[in-house]
Amino acid sequence: MNIDSHYGVKPAVAPDGWEVPVPMQERSRKTAERFVQVALQLLREKTFAELSVAELARKAGRSVGVFYQRFNSKDDFLHVLLSAYFREALEWREAVRPEGEPATIYAEILARGFHGIMENRNLWHAALERSAADPEFWKVYRSFRERAVEITLRAMEASSDRQFSDEERRQLAIAGQVFNSVINNQIINSPGPLRLEDEDFLPELTRIAVKLAGL
């Protein structure tokens, strides 16, 4: 994962109540990036709840004290990890080429998003658990979501050489909401009948989303 290089030692408070990164010295920046990279690797094998700061510090070759110098708490560190995840998601969306039919482009973006969540399933599970306890949790990521929608629309409109109507945009928003909601429900509850690991889960869910989007 390509980690953005602006994690602050002690973040400043943003207007929306969350704490945003501030510039830091090169050495401190690399230390913060090291914690993020190691944490994302460890979360491939264990849940966020199972991940201890002591283990993270040991694997990163740093001390627990250094971790708390860079991040206020483990809870705040979750936001740092999610910000890194969303930044990467914006980067690959920007790289999507507006070639082919809008439905093809939309399916490609849905697939990339799905695989990104699957690769970071424990991170996403932690975020969903936190949001269940805190209705305001996702508010800080509104700009990421809006940017992701904008990039997706831009690619699809470029491929069709026209702007989408308000109704078409609404249908896309509904399709995306359904697609994400089904995945989130599977991660938290795994209700079936299709499960995330099933070969036909993504194709079936993509087919439904494309149909809902009217593509």
C-alpha atoms as a PDB file:
ATOM      1  CA  MET A   1       0.000   0.000   0.000  1.00  0.00           C
ATOM      2  CA  ASN A   2       1.268   3.422  -0.911  1.00  0.00           C
ATOM      3  CA  ILE A   3       1.223   5.395   2.341  1.00  0.00           C
ATOM      4  CA  ASP A   4       0.665   9.131   2.251  1.00  0.00           C
ATOM      5  CA  SER A   5       3.534  10.981   3.872  1.00  0.00           C
ATOM      6  CA  HIS A   6       1.791  13.508   6.101  1.00  0.00           C
ATOM      7  CA  TYR A   7       1.117  11.748   9.400  1.00  0.00           C
ATOM      8  CA  GLY A   8       1.739  14.225  12.191  1.00  0.00           C
ATOM      9  CA  VAL A   9       3.354  13.562  15.545  1.00  0.00           C
ATOM     10  CA  LYS A  10       0.508  15.234  17.386  1.00  0.00           C
ATOM     11  CA  PRO A  11      -2.377  15.979  15.007  1.00  0.00           C
ATOM     12  CA  ALA A  12      -4.381  19.166  14.977  1.00  0.00           C
ATOM     13  CA  VAL A  13      -8.130  19.261  15.423  1.00  0.00           C
ATOM     14  CA  ALA A  14     -10.112  19.624  12.202  1.00  0.00           C
ATOM     15  CA  PRO A  15     -13.444  21.468  11.928  1.00  0.00           C
ATOM     16  CA  ASP A  16     -15.360  18.172  11.813  1.00  0.00           C
ATOM     17  CA  GLY A  17     -13.911  17.106  15.163  1.00  0.00           C
ATOM     18  CA  TRP A  18     -11.412  14.576  13.862  1.00  0.00           C
ATOM     19  CA  GLU A  19      -7.677  15.040  14.134  1.00  0.00           C
ATOM     20  CA  VAL A  20      -5.840  15.478  10.869  1.00  0.00           C
ATOM     21  CA  PRO A  21      -2.129  14.935  10.200  1.00  0.00           C
ATOM     22  CA  VAL A  22       0.392  17.799  10.131  1.00  0.00           C
ATOM     23  CA  PRO A  23       3.820  17.919   8.459  1.00  0.00           C
ATOM     24  CA  MET A  24       6.727  16.311  10.250  1.00  0.00           C
ATOM     25  CA  GLN A  25      10.442  15.759   9.917  1.00  0.00           C
ATOM     26  CA  GLU A  26      11.583  13.077   7.479  1.00  0.00           C
ATOM     27  CA  ARG A  27      12.706  10.671  10.203  1.00  0.00           C
ATOM     28  CA  SER A  28       9.431  10.937  12.103  1.00  0.00           C
ATOM     29  CA  ARG A  29       7.461  10.566   8.889  1.00  0.00           C
ATOM     30  CA  LYS A  30       9.268   7.337   8.015  1.00  0.00           C
ATOM     31  CA  THR A  31       8.692   6.009  11.527  1.00  0.00           C
ATOM     32  CA  ALA A  32       4.957   6.705  11.250  1.00  0.00           C
ATOM     33  CA  GLU A  33       4.838   5.082   7.818  1.00  0.00           C
ATOM     34  CA  ARG A  34       6.645   2.046   9.226  1.00  0.00           C
ATOM     35  CA  PHE A  35       3.956   1.589  11.879  1.00  0.00           C
ATOM     36  CA  VAL A  36       1.234   1.846   9.252  1.00  0.00           C
ATOM     37  CA  GLN A  37       2.866  -0.612   6.859  1.00  0.00           C
ATOM     38  CA  VAL A  38       3.514  -3.196   9.575  1.00  0.00           C
ATOM     39  CA  ALA A  39       0.006  -2.821  10.999  1.00  0.00           C
ATOM     40  CA  LEU A  40      -1.594  -3.433   7.601  1.00  0.00           C
ATOM     41  CA  GLN A  41       0.540  -6.548   7.199  1.00  0.00           C
ATOM     42  CA  LEU A  42      -0.364  -7.869  10.654  1.00  0.00           C
ATOM     43  CA  LEU A  43      -4.053  -7.223  10.043  1.00  0.00           C
ATOM     44  CA  ARG A  44      -3.957  -9.736   7.204  1.00  0.00           C
ATOM     45  CA  GLU A  45      -3.578 -12.401   9.890  1.00  0.00           C
ATOM     46  CA  LYS A  46      -5.391 -11.065  12.972  1.00  0.00           C
ATOM     47  CA  THR A  47      -8.162  -8.718  13.970  1.00  0.00           C
ATOM     48  CA  PHE A  48      -7.607  -5.143  15.069  1.00  0.00           C
ATOM     49  CA  ALA A  49      -8.697  -6.121  18.586  1.00  0.00           C
ATOM     50  CA  GLU A  50      -6.034  -8.843  18.643  1.00  0.00           C
ATOM     51  CA  LEU A  51      -3.332  -6.470  17.431  1.00  0.00           C
ATOM     52  CA  SER A  52      -1.456  -5.060  20.439  1.00  0.00           C
ATOM     53  CA  VAL A  53       0.626  -1.904  20.370  1.00  0.00           C
ATOM     54  CA  ALA A  54       3.470  -3.907  21.925  1.00  0.00           C
ATOM     55  CA  GLU A  55       3.478  -6.427  19.082  1.00  0.00           C
ATOM     56  CA  LEU A  56       3.146  -3.694  16.488  1.00  0.00           C
ATOM     57  CA  ALA A  57       6.079  -1.796  17.968  1.00  0.00           C
ATOM     58  CA  ARG A  58       8.195  -4.939  18.125  1.00  0.00           C
ATOM     59  CA  LYS A  59       7.484  -5.893  14.512  1.00  0.00           C
ATOM     60  CA  ALA A  60       8.145  -2.310  13.400  1.00  0.00           C
ATOM     61  CA  GLY A  61      11.459  -2.241  15.249  1.00  0.00           C
ATOM     62  CA  ARG A  62      10.338   0.673  17.394  1.00  0.00           C
ATOM     63  CA  SER A  63       9.243   1.155  21.008  1.00  0.00           C
ATOM     64  CA  VAL A  64       5.747   1.475  22.417  1.00  0.00           C
ATOM     65  CA  GLY A  65       6.664   4.966  23.561  1.00  0.00           C
ATOM     66  CA  VAL A  66       7.561   5.958  20.012  1.00  0.00           C
ATOM     67  CA  PHE A  67       4.138   4.741  18.842  1.00  0.00           C
ATOM     68  CA  TYR A  68       2.364   6.989  21.323  1.00  0.00           C
ATOM     69  CA  GLN A  69       4.591   9.890  20.314  1.00  0.00           C
ATOM     70  CA  ARG A  70       3.243   9.567  16.777  1.00  0.00           C
ATOM     71  CA  PHE A  71      -0.358   8.578  17.481  1.00  0.00           C
ATOM     72  CA  ASN A  72      -2.629   9.559  20.340  1.00  0.00           C
ATOM     73  CA  SER A  73      -4.036   6.067  20.869  1.00  0.00           C
ATOM     74  CA  LYS A  74      -4.703   2.761  19.194  1.00  0.00           C
ATOM     75  CA  ASP A  75      -8.241   3.957  18.456  1.00  0.00           C
ATOM     76  CA  ASP A  76      -6.913   7.031  16.662  1.00  0.00           C
ATOM     77  CA  PHE A  77      -4.436   4.820  14.833  1.00  0.00           C
ATOM     78  CA  LEU A  78      -7.389   3.004  13.277  1.00  0.00           C
ATOM     79  CA  HIS A  79      -8.337   6.269  11.580  1.00  0.00           C
ATOM     80  CA  VAL A  80      -4.788   6.648  10.280  1.00  0.00           C
ATOM     81  CA  LEU A  81      -4.936   3.154   8.776  1.00  0.00           C
ATOM     82  CA  LEU A  82      -8.310   3.818   7.184  1.00  0.00           C
ATOM     83  CA  SER A  83      -7.071   7.103   5.742  1.00  0.00           C
ATOM     84  CA  ALA A  84      -4.170   5.236   4.132  1.00  0.00           C
ATOM     85  CA  TYR A  85      -6.618   2.668   2.766  1.00  0.00           C
ATOM     86  CA  PHE A  86      -8.887   5.339   1.274  1.00  0.00           C
ATOM     87  CA  ARG A  87      -5.989   7.270  -0.235  1.00  0.00           C
ATOM     88  CA  GLU A  88      -4.853   4.168  -2.076  1.00  0.00           C
ATOM     89  CA  ALA A  89      -8.422   3.550  -3.236  1.00  0.00           C
ATOM     90  CA  LEU A  90      -8.508   7.025  -4.756  1.00  0.00           C
ATOM     91  CA  GLU A  91      -5.174   6.426  -6.469  1.00  0.00           C
ATOM     92  CA  TRP A  92      -6.269   3.278  -8.286  1.00  0.00           C
ATOM     93  CA  ARG A  93      -9.576   4.859  -9.233  1.00  0.00           C
ATOM     94  CA  GLU A  94      -7.687   7.742 -10.829  1.00  0.00           C
ATOM     95  CA  ALA A  95      -5.750   5.191 -12.888  1.00  0.00           C
ATOM     96  CA  VAL A  96      -8.888   3.539 -14.333  1.00  0.00           C
ATOM     97  CA  ARG A  97      -8.949   4.180 -18.085  1.00  0.00           C
ATOM     98  CA  PRO A  98     -12.275   5.405 -19.544  1.00  0.00           C
ATOM     99  CA  GLU A  99     -12.349   2.682 -22.204  1.00  0.00           C
ATOM    100  CA  GLY A 100     -15.259   0.392 -23.049  1.00  0.00           C
ATOM    101  CA  GLU A 101     -18.884   0.631 -22.041  1.00  0.00           C
ATOM    102  CA  PRO A 102     -19.850   2.387 -18.775  1.00  0.00           C
ATOM    103  CA  ALA A 103     -21.086  -0.958 -17.422  1.00  0.00           C
ATOM    104  CA  THR A 104     -17.649  -2.491 -18.006  1.00  0.00           C
ATOM    105  CA  ILE A 105     -15.891   0.376 -16.254  1.00  0.00           C
ATOM    106  CA  TYR A 106     -18.352   0.246 -13.368  1.00  0.00           C
ATOM    107  CA  ALA A 107     -17.871  -3.509 -12.967  1.00  0.00           C
ATOM    108  CA  GLU A 108     -14.083  -3.041 -12.953  1.00  0.00           C
ATOM    109  CA  ILE A 109     -14.292  -0.412 -10.216  1.00  0.00           C
ATOM    110  CA  LEU A 110     -16.649  -2.561  -8.150  1.00  0.00           C
ATOM    111  CA  ALA A 111     -14.281  -5.526  -8.466  1.00  0.00           C
ATOM    112  CA  ARG A 112     -11.237  -3.490  -7.455  1.00  0.00           C
ATOM    113  CA  GLY A 113     -13.099  -2.112  -4.459  1.00  0.00           C
ATOM    114  CA  PHE A 114     -14.238  -5.581  -3.428  1.00  0.00           C
ATOM    115  CA  HIS A 115     -10.739  -7.057  -3.640  1.00  0.00           C
ATOM    116  CA  GLY A 116      -9.361  -4.094  -1.684  1.00  0.00           C
ATOM    117  CA  ILE A 117     -11.804  -4.798   1.125  1.00  0.00           C
ATOM    118  CA  MET A 118     -11.025  -8.507   1.048  1.00  0.00           C
ATOM    119  CA  GLU A 119      -7.285  -7.817   1.286  1.00  0.00           C
ATOM    120  CA  ASN A 120      -7.942  -5.566   4.284  1.00  0.00           C
ATOM    121  CA  ARG A 121     -10.897  -7.468   5.703  1.00  0.00           C
ATOM    122  CA  ASN A 122      -9.877  -7.210   9.360  1.00  0.00           C
ATOM    123  CA  LEU A 123      -9.285  -3.478   9.038  1.00  0.00           C
ATOM    124  CA  TRP A 124     -12.711  -3.048   7.464  1.00  0.00           C
ATOM    125  CA  HIS A 125     -14.320  -5.249  10.120  1.00  0.00           C
ATOM    126  CA  ALA A 126     -12.842  -3.026  12.832  1.00  0.00           C
ATOM    127  CA  ALA A 127     -14.218   0.067  11.113  1.00  0.00           C
ATOM    128  CA  LEU A 128     -17.690  -1.470  10.823  1.00  0.00           C
ATOM    129  CA  GLU A 129     -17.671  -2.437  14.491  1.00  0.00           C
ATOM    130  CA  ARG A 130     -16.615   1.065  15.474  1.00  0.00           C
ATOM    131  CA  SER A 131     -19.261   2.671  13.296  1.00  0.00           C
ATOM    132  CA  ALA A 132     -21.954   0.500  14.898  1.00  0.00           C
ATOM    133  CA  ALA A 133     -21.075   2.076  18.244  1.00  0.00           C
ATOM    134  CA  ASP A 134     -20.492   5.573  16.861  1.00  0.00           C
ATOM    135  CA  PRO A 135     -22.982   6.891  14.257  1.00  0.00           C
ATOM    136  CA  GLU A 136     -20.604   9.775  13.479  1.00  0.00           C
ATOM    137  CA  PHE A 137     -17.675   7.482  12.701  1.00  0.00           C
ATOM    138  CA  TRP A 138     -17.852   7.692   8.899  1.00  0.00           C
ATOM    139  CA  LYS A 139     -18.402  11.440   8.782  1.00  0.00           C
ATOM    140  CA  VAL A 140     -14.677  12.180   8.651  1.00  0.00           C
ATOM    141  CA  TYR A 141     -14.388  10.119   5.438  1.00  0.00           C
ATOM    142  CA  ARG A 142     -17.104  11.980   3.574  1.00  0.00           C
ATOM    143  CA  SER A 143     -14.580  13.766   1.365  1.00  0.00           C
ATOM    144  CA  PHE A 144     -13.003  10.446   0.393  1.00  0.00           C
ATOM    145  CA  ARG A 145     -16.385   8.998  -0.572  1.00  0.00           C
ATOM    146  CA  GLU A 146     -17.375  12.079  -2.541  1.00  0.00           C
ATOM    147  CA  ARG A 147     -14.079  12.043  -4.398  1.00  0.00           C
ATOM    148  CA  ALA A 148     -14.434   8.327  -5.194  1.00  0.00           C
ATOM    149  CA  VAL A 149     -17.914   8.922  -6.654  1.00  0.00           C
ATOM    150  CA  GLU A 150     -16.624  11.873  -8.665  1.00  0.00           C
ATOM    151  CA  ILE A 151     -13.771   9.840 -10.157  1.00  0.00           C
ATOM    152  CA  THR A 152     -16.081   6.950 -11.016  1.00  0.00           C
ATOM    153  CA  LEU A 153     -18.597   9.225 -12.714  1.00  0.00           C
ATOM    154  CA  ARG A 154     -15.870  11.020 -14.636  1.00  0.00           C
ATOM    155  CA  ALA A 155     -14.543   7.755 -16.087  1.00  0.00           C
ATOM    156  CA  MET A 156     -18.006   6.502 -17.030  1.00  0.00           C
ATOM    157  CA  GLU A 157     -19.073   9.806 -18.547  1.00  0.00           C
ATOM    158  CA  ALA A 158     -15.844  10.002 -20.539  1.00  0.00           C
ATOM    159  CA  SER A 159     -16.449   6.531 -21.941  1.00  0.00           C
ATOM    160  CA  SER A 160     -19.975   7.467 -23.059  1.00  0.00           C
ATOM    161  CA  ASP A 161     -18.967  10.988 -24.145  1.00  0.00           C
ATOM    162  CA  ARG A 162     -21.785  12.659 -22.234  1.00  0.00           C
ATOM    163  CA  GLN A 163     -22.779  13.797 -18.780  1.00  0.00           C
ATOM    164  CA  PHE A 164     -25.097  11.599 -16.740  1.00  0.00           C
ATOM    165  CA  SER A 165     -28.455  12.944 -15.692  1.00  0.00           C
ATOM    166  CA  ASP A 166     -29.403  13.470 -12.068  1.00  0.00           C
ATOM    167  CA  GLU A 167     -31.568  10.330 -12.218  1.00  0.00           C
ATOM    168  CA  GLU A 168     -28.683   8.267 -13.613  1.00  0.00           C
ATOM    169  CA  ARG A 169     -26.424   9.539 -10.837  1.00  0.00           C
ATOM    170  CA  ARG A 170     -29.087   8.636  -8.294  1.00  0.00           C
ATOM    171  CA  GLN A 171     -29.357   5.099  -9.679  1.00  0.00           C
ATOM    172  CA  LEU A 172     -25.591   4.720  -9.484  1.00  0.00           C
ATOM    173  CA  ALA A 173     -25.636   5.893  -5.877  1.00  0.00           C
ATOM    174  CA  ILE A 174     -28.354   3.356  -5.027  1.00  0.00           C
ATOM    175  CA  ALA A 175     -26.435   0.559  -6.758  1.00  0.00           C
ATOM    176  CA  GLY A 176     -23.268   1.453  -4.877  1.00  0.00           C
ATOM    177  CA  GLN A 177     -25.128   1.572  -1.580  1.00  0.00           C
ATOM    178  CA  VAL A 178     -26.605  -1.891  -2.136  1.00  0.00           C
ATOM    179  CA  PHE A 179     -23.266  -3.322  -3.268  1.00  0.00           C
ATOM    180  CA  ASN A 180     -21.428  -1.996  -0.218  1.00  0.00           C
ATOM    181  CA  SER A 181     -24.205  -2.871   2.223  1.00  0.00           C
ATOM    182  CA  VAL A 182     -24.266  -6.526   1.155  1.00  0.00           C
ATOM    183  CA  ILE A 183     -20.482  -6.794   1.549  1.00  0.00           C
ATOM    184  CA  ASN A 184     -20.554  -5.086   4.941  1.00  0.00           C
ATOM    185  CA  ASN A 185     -23.334  -7.355   6.158  1.00  0.00           C
ATOM    186  CA  GLN A 186     -21.375 -10.407   5.053  1.00  0.00           C
ATOM    187  CA  ILE A 187     -18.253  -9.205   6.868  1.00  0.00           C
ATOM    188  CA  ILE A 188     -20.137  -8.607  10.122  1.00  0.00           C
ATOM    189  CA  ASN A 189     -22.820 -11.311  10.064  1.00  0.00           C
ATOM    190  CA  SER A 190     -22.039 -13.710   7.178  1.00  0.00           C
ATOM    191  CA  PRO A 191     -25.753 -14.514   6.690  1.00  0.00           C
ATOM    192  CA  GLY A 192     -25.581 -16.247   3.294  1.00  0.00           C
ATOM    193  CA  PRO A 193     -26.802 -17.746   1.076  1.00  0.00           C
ATOM    194  CA  LEU A 194     -23.829 -16.418  -0.883  1.00  0.00           C
ATOM    195  CA  ARG A 195     -20.686 -15.818   1.143  1.00  0.00           C
ATOM    196  CA  LEU A 196     -17.699 -13.610   0.475  1.00  0.00           C
ATOM    197  CA  GLU A 197     -15.458 -16.580  -0.276  1.00  0.00           C
ATOM    198  CA  ASP A 198     -17.837 -18.118  -2.844  1.00  0.00           C
ATOM    199  CA  GLU A 199     -16.660 -17.870  -6.451  1.00  0.00           C
ATOM    200  CA  ASP A 200     -19.979 -16.491  -7.620  1.00  0.00           C
ATOM    201  CA  PHE A 201     -20.358 -13.898  -4.842  1.00  0.00           C
ATOM    202  CA  LEU A 202     -18.686 -11.020  -6.697  1.00  0.00           C
ATOM    203  CA  PRO A 203     -20.137 -11.851 -10.151  1.00  0.00           C
ATOM    204  CA  GLU A 204     -23.666 -12.116  -8.752  1.00  0.00           C
ATOM    205  CA  LEU A 205     -23.402  -8.961  -6.667  1.00  0.00           C
ATOM    206  CA  THR A 206     -21.863  -7.071  -9.585  1.00  0.00           C
ATOM    207  CA  ARG A 207     -24.676  -8.218 -11.879  1.00  0.00           C
ATOM    208  CA  ILE A 208     -27.249  -6.899  -9.392  1.00  0.00           C
ATOM    209  CA  ALA A 209     -25.423  -3.580  -8.978  1.00  0.00           C
ATOM    210  CA  VAL A 210     -25.042  -3.040 -12.725  1.00  0.00           C
ATOM    211  CA  LYS A 211     -28.742  -3.773 -13.203  1.00  0.00           C
ATOM    212  CA  LEU A 212     -29.729  -1.398 -10.383  1.00  0.00           C
ATOM    213  CA  ALA A 213     -27.543   1.287 -11.946  1.00  0.00           C
ATOM    214  CA  GLY A 214     -29.447   0.882 -15.202  1.00  0.00           C
ATOM    215  CA  LEU A 215     -26.302   0.187 -17.207  1.00  0.00           C
END
